[in-house]
Amino acid sequence: MARTAHEILRTSLKSMHDLLDKAVEGMTAEQLNFRPQEGGVSAFFSLWHYVRTEDNIINWVAQQKPTVWLEGNYHEYFGLPRTSQGTGMTEEEANAIRISDVAKWHEYQQKVWEATDRYLAGMSPEEFDQRTVTIKPLGEMSLWDGIYGVCLSHGYRHVGEIEYVRGVQGLGGLTI
């Protein structure tokens, strides 16, 4: 049975969410905050950046409603930036993004995944090509390019970064 692009995107995002969940499963705050000596960012920075980006695109950009981050006052709880999601941060600013309450973070993350799936479940597939959105700093694009290109493709990149940081700490990568 042939699936539509809309169905493929929804299924693929769920799969990528599962990979991100699995990539950080069982990691402590210390392990999530660890930065490899070789440079780069912590697993938590990669995760925070991705989940905040998806929250922004799905809720703020696509639906023009408050993000899960702001609605739940997660920025206040974690003491992290209210509207930034990491793009354009200096190394010093990125290194300051740290997690202490892993369970509370997972609560936020799951709410973002649910909001994304709810939005995709209720939207018209035609909306992907008919709507344009502006995603800063990338500019104007179709809604499809915003969700597929920025959310899905971007998310897989961050899964790899998290796997790398896991491996450097001797935690092993993901097995498929």
Protein backbone atom coordinates (compact mmCIF):
# COMPACT_ATOMS: atom_id res chain seq x y z
CA MET A 1 0.00 0.00 0.00
CA ALA A 2 1.49 3.33 -1.04
CA ARG A 3 1.80 5.91 1.70
CA THR A 4 1.48 9.63 1.26
CA ALA A 5 4.32 12.05 1.92
CA HIS A 6 2.33 13.26 4.94
CA GLU A 7 2.14 9.72 6.38
CA ILE A 8 5.83 9.12 5.70
CA LEU A 9 6.81 12.34 7.46
CA ARG A 10 4.65 11.60 10.49
CA THR A 11 6.01 8.05 10.79
CA SER A 12 9.58 9.22 10.24
CA LEU A 13 9.34 11.90 12.93
CA LYS A 14 8.00 9.32 15.38
CA SER A 15 10.93 7.05 14.50
CA MET A 16 13.45 9.86 14.95
CA HIS A 17 11.85 10.80 18.28
CA ASP A 18 12.24 7.18 19.39
CA LEU A 19 15.95 7.31 18.44
CA LEU A 20 16.46 10.52 20.43
CA ASP A 21 14.65 9.00 23.41
CA LYS A 22 16.78 5.87 23.17
CA ALA A 23 20.00 7.87 22.70
CA VAL A 24 19.60 9.56 26.08
CA GLU A 25 17.81 6.77 27.93
CA GLY A 26 19.47 6.09 31.25
CA MET A 27 21.97 8.94 30.94
CA THR A 28 22.56 10.94 34.09
CA ALA A 29 22.77 14.73 34.21
CA GLU A 30 26.55 14.40 34.50
CA GLN A 31 26.73 12.23 31.38
CA LEU A 32 24.38 14.51 29.45
CA ASN A 33 26.40 17.59 30.42
CA PHE A 34 29.78 16.01 29.54
CA ARG A 35 31.74 17.79 26.79
CA PRO A 36 34.33 15.81 24.83
CA GLN A 37 37.89 17.13 25.15
CA GLU A 38 38.07 17.14 21.36
CA GLY A 39 35.59 20.02 21.33
CA GLY A 40 31.99 20.11 20.32
CA VAL A 41 28.98 20.35 22.55
CA SER A 42 27.43 18.20 25.24
CA ALA A 43 24.78 15.59 24.48
CA PHE A 44 22.34 17.77 26.39
CA PHE A 45 23.08 20.85 24.30
CA SER A 46 22.39 18.84 21.12
CA LEU A 47 19.18 17.45 22.60
CA TRP A 48 18.02 20.79 24.02
CA HIS A 49 18.76 22.55 20.75
CA TYR A 50 16.86 20.01 18.66
CA VAL A 51 13.79 19.69 20.90
CA ARG A 52 13.54 23.47 21.30
CA THR A 53 13.85 23.88 17.51
CA GLU A 54 11.05 21.39 16.83
CA ASP A 55 8.89 23.02 19.52
CA ASN A 56 9.46 26.43 17.91
CA ILE A 57 8.74 25.25 14.35
CA ILE A 58 5.69 23.13 15.11
CA ASN A 59 4.04 25.40 17.66
CA TRP A 60 5.24 28.96 17.12
CA VAL A 61 6.01 29.01 13.38
CA ALA A 62 3.46 26.55 11.97
CA GLN A 63 0.57 27.09 14.38
CA GLN A 64 1.34 30.58 15.67
CA LYS A 65 0.72 29.55 19.25
CA PRO A 66 2.97 29.48 22.32
CA THR A 67 5.58 26.77 22.51
CA VAL A 68 5.40 23.93 25.02
CA TRP A 69 8.58 25.50 26.49
CA LEU A 70 6.81 28.76 27.34
CA GLU A 71 3.38 27.30 28.15
CA GLY A 72 4.94 24.98 30.74
CA ASN A 73 7.35 27.65 32.05
CA TYR A 74 10.18 25.20 31.43
CA HIS A 75 12.55 28.10 30.75
CA GLU A 76 11.99 29.31 34.31
CA TYR A 77 12.22 25.84 35.83
CA PHE A 78 15.52 25.03 34.11
CA GLY A 79 16.91 28.57 34.19
CA LEU A 80 17.59 28.35 30.45
CA PRO A 81 16.94 30.90 27.71
CA ARG A 82 13.31 31.85 27.23
CA THR A 83 13.29 32.05 23.45
CA SER A 84 16.70 30.97 22.22
CA GLN A 85 17.26 27.42 21.09
CA GLY A 86 21.00 27.61 20.49
CA THR A 87 21.36 28.86 16.93
CA GLY A 88 24.11 31.46 16.82
CA MET A 89 25.27 30.91 20.40
CA THR A 90 28.91 31.41 21.26
CA GLU A 91 30.87 28.46 22.60
CA GLU A 92 30.66 29.97 26.08
CA GLU A 93 26.87 30.35 25.84
CA ALA A 94 26.46 26.80 24.51
CA ASN A 95 28.61 25.41 27.34
CA ALA A 96 26.33 27.14 29.86
CA ILE A 97 23.36 25.03 28.69
CA ARG A 98 23.22 22.32 31.32
CA ILE A 99 20.61 19.99 32.76
CA SER A 100 20.12 19.05 36.40
CA ASP A 101 16.63 17.48 36.41
CA VAL A 102 16.65 14.79 33.73
CA ALA A 103 13.13 13.52 34.55
CA LYS A 104 11.64 17.00 34.16
CA TRP A 105 13.48 17.39 30.84
CA HIS A 106 12.00 14.10 29.58
CA GLU A 107 8.55 15.39 30.57
CA TYR A 108 9.06 18.45 28.36
CA GLN A 109 10.52 16.39 25.51
CA GLN A 110 7.54 13.99 25.48
CA LYS A 111 5.11 16.91 25.43
CA VAL A 112 6.87 18.29 22.35
CA TRP A 113 6.69 14.90 20.61
CA GLU A 114 2.96 14.70 21.43
CA ALA A 115 2.32 18.25 20.19
CA THR A 116 4.10 17.47 16.92
CA ASP A 117 2.15 14.28 16.34
CA ARG A 118 -1.15 15.95 17.24
CA TYR A 119 -0.46 18.77 14.77
CA LEU A 120 0.53 16.42 11.95
CA ALA A 121 -2.44 14.13 12.62
CA GLY A 122 -4.87 17.01 12.25
CA MET A 123 -3.40 18.85 9.30
CA SER A 124 -4.28 18.60 5.65
CA PRO A 125 -1.51 17.09 3.49
CA GLU A 126 -2.13 19.89 0.96
CA GLU A 127 -1.06 22.41 3.59
CA PHE A 128 2.58 21.31 3.19
CA ASP A 129 2.92 22.81 -0.26
CA GLN A 130 0.36 25.59 -0.02
CA ARG A 131 1.83 27.26 3.08
CA THR A 132 5.08 29.07 3.42
CA VAL A 133 6.74 29.77 6.74
CA THR A 134 9.72 31.81 7.81
CA ILE A 135 12.28 30.03 9.94
CA LYS A 136 15.00 32.27 11.27
CA PRO A 137 17.80 32.44 10.25
CA LEU A 138 16.98 30.27 7.21
CA GLY A 139 14.27 32.44 5.69
CA GLU A 140 11.04 31.64 3.89
CA MET A 141 10.29 28.08 2.77
CA SER A 142 7.38 25.70 2.27
CA LEU A 143 5.91 24.17 5.40
CA TRP A 144 7.13 20.80 4.05
CA ASP A 145 10.73 22.05 3.89
CA GLY A 146 10.38 23.50 7.38
CA ILE A 147 9.19 20.28 8.95
CA TYR A 148 11.00 17.73 6.78
CA GLY A 149 14.19 19.67 6.18
CA VAL A 150 14.63 21.40 9.49
CA CYS A 151 12.90 19.07 11.94
CA LEU A 152 13.40 15.58 10.56
CA SER A 153 16.76 15.87 8.78
CA HIS A 154 18.18 18.13 11.47
CA GLY A 155 17.06 15.74 14.20
CA TYR A 156 18.97 12.80 12.76
CA ARG A 157 22.14 14.91 12.81
CA HIS A 158 21.71 15.46 16.54
CA VAL A 159 21.10 11.77 17.19
CA GLY A 160 24.59 11.21 15.75
CA GLU A 161 26.13 13.91 17.95
CA ILE A 162 24.58 12.35 21.04
CA GLU A 163 25.82 8.90 20.02
CA TYR A 164 29.33 10.32 19.64
CA VAL A 165 29.28 11.84 23.14
CA ARG A 166 27.94 8.54 24.52
CA GLY A 167 30.80 6.67 22.86
CA VAL A 168 33.48 9.05 24.15
CA GLN A 169 32.19 8.38 27.67
CA GLY A 170 32.26 4.61 27.16
CA LEU A 171 28.47 4.32 27.18
CA GLY A 172 28.32 2.80 23.70
CA GLY A 173 26.34 4.00 20.74
CA LEU A 174 22.90 2.90 19.75
CA THR A 175 22.27 -0.51 18.31
CA ILE A 176 19.67 -0.83 15.63
